[in-house]
Amino acid sequence: MNFINAAKSALKTKSLFSYRIYQHAQARKVYWILYAAGNKIDEDRIKQVGADRACAEWLLKCGAQVKFHSSSKFISDYNRLSATLGSNMKLAEVRAEEATIMSIGFPHFDGVKELKKLSFIRCTSFNDSCINQLVQYIGPTITKLEIIGCGSVTDKGVAAIKHFGVKEDWKN
């Protein structure tokens, strides 16, 4: 029985505690819908600005930080992603700490060719599906992958990391 069903059955007892559980479950559902909308793929945008720029925009909207090869600093504010960044700007590093990235957004990595380092720290929606898509889209280019406190990753996901031989840090 999932959390929503448990909350609904608890609500039948009509206690204040049960009602709060139900409210919490409904809030989680609403947030999931909002996060999913922010992770949606926009094919037209990818064609318009290129894979690296579109991927950077997606990551920044979800609360991650990005660094380009031409820069020594991370960008964390979507509005600081200047209009002058063209298709010649290539992603070098991603740091996603408590970011709302979800597996439905990982096709944004398709076409990103020079990304070397990725860190996922306490990203609650990061799971085995995300790892499988990383392997599919950018596996050979990654030199370091850090996954810390992402409780939805299982041994199956960790095994997928071994297939592309990156240096990984795994702490859960």
C-alpha atoms as a PDB file:
ATOM      1  CA  MET A   1       0.000   0.000   0.000  1.00  0.00           C
ATOM      2  CA  ASN A   2       1.486   3.328  -1.014  1.00  0.00           C
ATOM      3  CA  PHE A   3       1.570   6.502   1.059  1.00  0.00           C
ATOM      4  CA  ILE A   4      -1.525   8.045  -0.572  1.00  0.00           C
ATOM      5  CA  ASN A   5      -3.675   4.947   0.018  1.00  0.00           C
ATOM      6  CA  ALA A   6      -2.459   4.674   3.611  1.00  0.00           C
ATOM      7  CA  ALA A   7      -3.371   8.313   4.166  1.00  0.00           C
ATOM      8  CA  LYS A   8      -6.842   7.824   2.666  1.00  0.00           C
ATOM      9  CA  SER A   9      -7.559   4.796   4.838  1.00  0.00           C
ATOM     10  CA  ALA A  10      -6.286   6.640   7.913  1.00  0.00           C
ATOM     11  CA  LEU A  11      -8.577   9.542   7.038  1.00  0.00           C
ATOM     12  CA  LYS A  12     -11.610   7.302   7.535  1.00  0.00           C
ATOM     13  CA  THR A  13     -10.886   7.327  11.281  1.00  0.00           C
ATOM     14  CA  LYS A  14     -11.556  11.097  11.165  1.00  0.00           C
ATOM     15  CA  SER A  15      -8.820  12.001  13.596  1.00  0.00           C
ATOM     16  CA  LEU A  16      -6.813  15.215  13.294  1.00  0.00           C
ATOM     17  CA  PHE A  17      -3.605  13.203  12.939  1.00  0.00           C
ATOM     18  CA  SER A  18      -5.098  11.196  10.055  1.00  0.00           C
ATOM     19  CA  TYR A  19      -6.231  14.365   8.325  1.00  0.00           C
ATOM     20  CA  ARG A  20      -2.729  15.824   8.531  1.00  0.00           C
ATOM     21  CA  ILE A  21      -1.292  12.663   6.978  1.00  0.00           C
ATOM     22  CA  TYR A  22      -3.795  13.014   4.141  1.00  0.00           C
ATOM     23  CA  GLN A  23      -2.902  16.698   3.654  1.00  0.00           C
ATOM     24  CA  HIS A  24       0.788  15.819   3.550  1.00  0.00           C
ATOM     25  CA  ALA A  25       0.152  13.127   0.933  1.00  0.00           C
ATOM     26  CA  GLN A  26      -1.817  15.552  -1.232  1.00  0.00           C
ATOM     27  CA  ALA A  27       0.917  18.191  -0.938  1.00  0.00           C
ATOM     28  CA  ARG A  28       3.536  15.653  -2.022  1.00  0.00           C
ATOM     29  CA  LYS A  29       1.430  14.806  -5.070  1.00  0.00           C
ATOM     30  CA  VAL A  30       1.117  18.497  -6.021  1.00  0.00           C
ATOM     31  CA  TYR A  31       4.866  19.058  -5.652  1.00  0.00           C
ATOM     32  CA  TRP A  32       5.582  16.002  -7.779  1.00  0.00           C
ATOM     33  CA  ILE A  33       3.371  17.409 -10.547  1.00  0.00           C
ATOM     34  CA  LEU A  34       5.174  20.768 -10.370  1.00  0.00           C
ATOM     35  CA  TYR A  35       8.611  19.128 -10.394  1.00  0.00           C
ATOM     36  CA  ALA A  36       7.608  16.940 -13.337  1.00  0.00           C
ATOM     37  CA  ALA A  37       6.517  20.012 -15.302  1.00  0.00           C
ATOM     38  CA  GLY A  38       9.936  21.599 -14.725  1.00  0.00           C
ATOM     39  CA  ASN A  39      11.669  18.464 -15.998  1.00  0.00           C
ATOM     40  CA  LYS A  40       9.722  18.272 -19.258  1.00  0.00           C
ATOM     41  CA  ILE A  41      11.746  18.026 -22.466  1.00  0.00           C
ATOM     42  CA  ASP A  42      11.387  20.948 -24.892  1.00  0.00           C
ATOM     43  CA  GLU A  43      12.639  19.643 -28.252  1.00  0.00           C
ATOM     44  CA  ASP A  44      12.200  23.045 -29.904  1.00  0.00           C
ATOM     45  CA  ARG A  45      14.419  24.695 -27.287  1.00  0.00           C
ATOM     46  CA  ILE A  46      17.125  22.051 -27.778  1.00  0.00           C
ATOM     47  CA  LYS A  47      17.083  22.706 -31.538  1.00  0.00           C
ATOM     48  CA  GLN A  48      17.120  26.460 -30.975  1.00  0.00           C
ATOM     49  CA  VAL A  49      20.024  26.760 -28.498  1.00  0.00           C
ATOM     50  CA  GLY A  50      21.841  23.418 -28.670  1.00  0.00           C
ATOM     51  CA  ALA A  51      22.106  20.446 -26.334  1.00  0.00           C
ATOM     52  CA  ASP A  52      24.565  21.935 -23.813  1.00  0.00           C
ATOM     53  CA  ARG A  53      22.668  25.188 -23.329  1.00  0.00           C
ATOM     54  CA  ALA A  54      19.268  23.455 -23.084  1.00  0.00           C
ATOM     55  CA  CYS A  55      20.673  20.936 -20.596  1.00  0.00           C
ATOM     56  CA  ALA A  56      22.190  23.751 -18.518  1.00  0.00           C
ATOM     57  CA  GLU A  57      18.870  25.617 -18.509  1.00  0.00           C
ATOM     58  CA  TRP A  58      17.024  22.489 -17.334  1.00  0.00           C
ATOM     59  CA  LEU A  59      19.549  21.808 -14.572  1.00  0.00           C
ATOM     60  CA  LEU A  60      19.454  25.410 -13.337  1.00  0.00           C
ATOM     61  CA  LYS A  61      15.636  25.450 -13.314  1.00  0.00           C
ATOM     62  CA  CYS A  62      15.764  22.344 -11.118  1.00  0.00           C
ATOM     63  CA  GLY A  63      18.185  23.921  -8.639  1.00  0.00           C
ATOM     64  CA  ALA A  64      21.509  22.483  -9.805  1.00  0.00           C
ATOM     65  CA  GLN A  65      24.733  24.340 -10.580  1.00  0.00           C
ATOM     66  CA  VAL A  66      26.625  24.108 -13.868  1.00  0.00           C
ATOM     67  CA  LYS A  67      30.119  24.961 -15.018  1.00  0.00           C
ATOM     68  CA  PHE A  68      31.250  25.402 -18.614  1.00  0.00           C
ATOM     69  CA  HIS A  69      34.694  24.576 -20.005  1.00  0.00           C
ATOM     70  CA  SER A  70      35.341  28.267 -20.652  1.00  0.00           C
ATOM     71  CA  SER A  71      34.665  29.239 -17.012  1.00  0.00           C
ATOM     72  CA  SER A  72      36.228  28.521 -13.640  1.00  0.00           C
ATOM     73  CA  LYS A  73      33.047  29.285 -11.677  1.00  0.00           C
ATOM     74  CA  PHE A  74      29.753  27.499 -11.223  1.00  0.00           C
ATOM     75  CA  ILE A  75      26.554  29.205 -12.341  1.00  0.00           C
ATOM     76  CA  SER A  76      23.602  28.680 -10.016  1.00  0.00           C
ATOM     77  CA  ASP A  77      21.203  31.385 -11.200  1.00  0.00           C
ATOM     78  CA  TYR A  78      19.240  30.773 -14.390  1.00  0.00           C
ATOM     79  CA  ASN A  79      19.156  34.523 -15.065  1.00  0.00           C
ATOM     80  CA  ARG A  80      22.958  34.673 -15.106  1.00  0.00           C
ATOM     81  CA  LEU A  81      23.097  32.287 -18.023  1.00  0.00           C
ATOM     82  CA  SER A  82      23.881  35.063 -20.446  1.00  0.00           C
ATOM     83  CA  ALA A  83      22.389  35.383 -23.875  1.00  0.00           C
ATOM     84  CA  THR A  84      25.911  35.339 -25.297  1.00  0.00           C
ATOM     85  CA  LEU A  85      26.323  31.660 -24.463  1.00  0.00           C
ATOM     86  CA  GLY A  86      26.078  30.017 -27.832  1.00  0.00           C
ATOM     87  CA  SER A  87      26.379  26.521 -29.158  1.00  0.00           C
ATOM     88  CA  ASN A  88      30.165  26.737 -28.679  1.00  0.00           C
ATOM     89  CA  MET A  89      29.755  26.692 -24.866  1.00  0.00           C
ATOM     90  CA  LYS A  90      30.179  23.146 -23.602  1.00  0.00           C
ATOM     91  CA  LEU A  91      29.119  21.827 -20.190  1.00  0.00           C
ATOM     92  CA  ALA A  92      32.050  20.622 -18.099  1.00  0.00           C
ATOM     93  CA  GLU A  93      30.593  19.934 -14.654  1.00  0.00           C
ATOM     94  CA  VAL A  94      27.239  19.599 -12.857  1.00  0.00           C
ATOM     95  CA  ARG A  95      26.609  19.865  -9.130  1.00  0.00           C
ATOM     96  CA  ALA A  96      23.049  18.978  -8.139  1.00  0.00           C
ATOM     97  CA  GLU A  97      22.521  19.380  -4.401  1.00  0.00           C
ATOM     98  CA  GLU A  98      18.925  18.860  -3.240  1.00  0.00           C
ATOM     99  CA  ALA A  99      17.870  19.577  -6.822  1.00  0.00           C
ATOM    100  CA  THR A 100      14.460  18.551  -8.132  1.00  0.00           C
ATOM    101  CA  ILE A 101      15.804  16.695 -11.147  1.00  0.00           C
ATOM    102  CA  MET A 102      13.752  13.680 -12.198  1.00  0.00           C
ATOM    103  CA  SER A 103      14.354  10.819 -14.611  1.00  0.00           C
ATOM    104  CA  ILE A 104      11.899  12.294 -17.137  1.00  0.00           C
ATOM    105  CA  GLY A 105      14.324  15.197 -17.615  1.00  0.00           C
ATOM    106  CA  PHE A 106      17.462  13.146 -18.254  1.00  0.00           C
ATOM    107  CA  PRO A 107      17.016  13.060 -22.054  1.00  0.00           C
ATOM    108  CA  HIS A 108      18.313  16.647 -21.817  1.00  0.00           C
ATOM    109  CA  PHE A 109      21.763  15.031 -21.567  1.00  0.00           C
ATOM    110  CA  ASP A 110      21.391  13.595 -25.084  1.00  0.00           C
ATOM    111  CA  GLY A 111      23.868  15.431 -27.295  1.00  0.00           C
ATOM    112  CA  VAL A 112      26.032  16.732 -24.423  1.00  0.00           C
ATOM    113  CA  LYS A 113      29.502  15.509 -25.405  1.00  0.00           C
ATOM    114  CA  GLU A 114      32.108  17.071 -23.098  1.00  0.00           C
ATOM    115  CA  LEU A 115      30.601  16.757 -19.614  1.00  0.00           C
ATOM    116  CA  LYS A 116      33.248  15.293 -17.284  1.00  0.00           C
ATOM    117  CA  LYS A 117      32.053  15.563 -13.666  1.00  0.00           C
ATOM    118  CA  LEU A 118      28.645  15.038 -12.089  1.00  0.00           C
ATOM    119  CA  SER A 119      27.610  15.310  -8.439  1.00  0.00           C
ATOM    120  CA  PHE A 120      24.172  14.345  -7.150  1.00  0.00           C
ATOM    121  CA  ILE A 121      23.808  15.142  -3.451  1.00  0.00           C
ATOM    122  CA  ARG A 122      20.567  14.509  -1.551  1.00  0.00           C
ATOM    123  CA  CYS A 123      18.448  14.570  -4.714  1.00  0.00           C
ATOM    124  CA  THR A 124      15.335  12.724  -3.582  1.00  0.00           C
ATOM    125  CA  SER A 125      14.073  11.996  -7.112  1.00  0.00           C
ATOM    126  CA  PHE A 126      17.433  10.710  -8.380  1.00  0.00           C
ATOM    127  CA  ASN A 127      17.036   6.962  -8.910  1.00  0.00           C
ATOM    128  CA  ASP A 128      18.197   3.940 -10.906  1.00  0.00           C
ATOM    129  CA  SER A 129      16.410   5.191 -14.020  1.00  0.00           C
ATOM    130  CA  CYS A 130      18.477   8.391 -13.874  1.00  0.00           C
ATOM    131  CA  ILE A 131      21.689   6.362 -13.725  1.00  0.00           C
ATOM    132  CA  ASN A 132      20.624   4.183 -16.657  1.00  0.00           C
ATOM    133  CA  GLN A 133      19.935   7.286 -18.726  1.00  0.00           C
ATOM    134  CA  LEU A 134      23.301   8.792 -17.783  1.00  0.00           C
ATOM    135  CA  VAL A 135      24.957   5.609 -19.040  1.00  0.00           C
ATOM    136  CA  GLN A 136      22.933   5.819 -22.241  1.00  0.00           C
ATOM    137  CA  TYR A 137      23.458   9.504 -23.018  1.00  0.00           C
ATOM    138  CA  ILE A 138      26.852  10.544 -21.628  1.00  0.00           C
ATOM    139  CA  GLY A 139      28.479   7.485 -20.058  1.00  0.00           C
ATOM    140  CA  PRO A 140      31.746   7.430 -22.032  1.00  0.00           C
ATOM    141  CA  THR A 141      32.603  11.087 -21.371  1.00  0.00           C
ATOM    142  CA  ILE A 142      32.272  11.070 -17.571  1.00  0.00           C
ATOM    143  CA  THR A 143      35.462  10.936 -15.511  1.00  0.00           C
ATOM    144  CA  LYS A 144      33.870  11.413 -12.072  1.00  0.00           C
ATOM    145  CA  LEU A 145      30.405  10.638 -10.762  1.00  0.00           C
ATOM    146  CA  GLU A 146      29.466  11.451  -7.176  1.00  0.00           C
ATOM    147  CA  ILE A 147      26.203  10.174  -5.656  1.00  0.00           C
ATOM    148  CA  ILE A 148      25.645  11.062  -2.002  1.00  0.00           C
ATOM    149  CA  GLY A 149      22.468  10.641   0.017  1.00  0.00           C
ATOM    150  CA  CYS A 150      20.222   9.779  -2.922  1.00  0.00           C
ATOM    151  CA  GLY A 151      18.147   7.158  -1.150  1.00  0.00           C
ATOM    152  CA  SER A 152      16.230   6.030  -4.247  1.00  0.00           C
ATOM    153  CA  VAL A 153      19.355   4.530  -5.832  1.00  0.00           C
ATOM    154  CA  THR A 154      19.636   0.770  -5.353  1.00  0.00           C
ATOM    155  CA  ASP A 155      22.380  -1.788  -5.954  1.00  0.00           C
ATOM    156  CA  LYS A 156      20.989  -2.239  -9.468  1.00  0.00           C
ATOM    157  CA  GLY A 157      21.700   1.417 -10.232  1.00  0.00           C
ATOM    158  CA  VAL A 158      25.202   1.201  -8.789  1.00  0.00           C
ATOM    159  CA  ALA A 159      25.863  -1.857 -10.968  1.00  0.00           C
ATOM    160  CA  ALA A 160      24.931   0.189 -14.052  1.00  0.00           C
ATOM    161  CA  ILE A 161      27.649   2.707 -13.136  1.00  0.00           C
ATOM    162  CA  LYS A 162      30.300  -0.004 -13.400  1.00  0.00           C
ATOM    163  CA  HIS A 163      29.444  -0.471 -17.084  1.00  0.00           C
ATOM    164  CA  PHE A 164      31.047   2.788 -18.120  1.00  0.00           C
ATOM    165  CA  GLY A 165      34.017   2.680 -15.769  1.00  0.00           C
ATOM    166  CA  VAL A 166      33.958   6.118 -14.183  1.00  0.00           C
ATOM    167  CA  LYS A 167      35.521   6.946 -10.864  1.00  0.00           C
ATOM    168  CA  GLU A 168      32.493   7.083  -8.619  1.00  0.00           C
ATOM    169  CA  ASP A 169      31.946   8.151  -5.037  1.00  0.00           C
ATOM    170  CA  TRP A 170      29.013   6.359  -3.484  1.00  0.00           C
ATOM    171  CA  LYS A 171      27.760   7.419  -0.075  1.00  0.00           C
ATOM    172  CA  ASN A 172      24.243   6.779   1.023  1.00  0.00           C
END
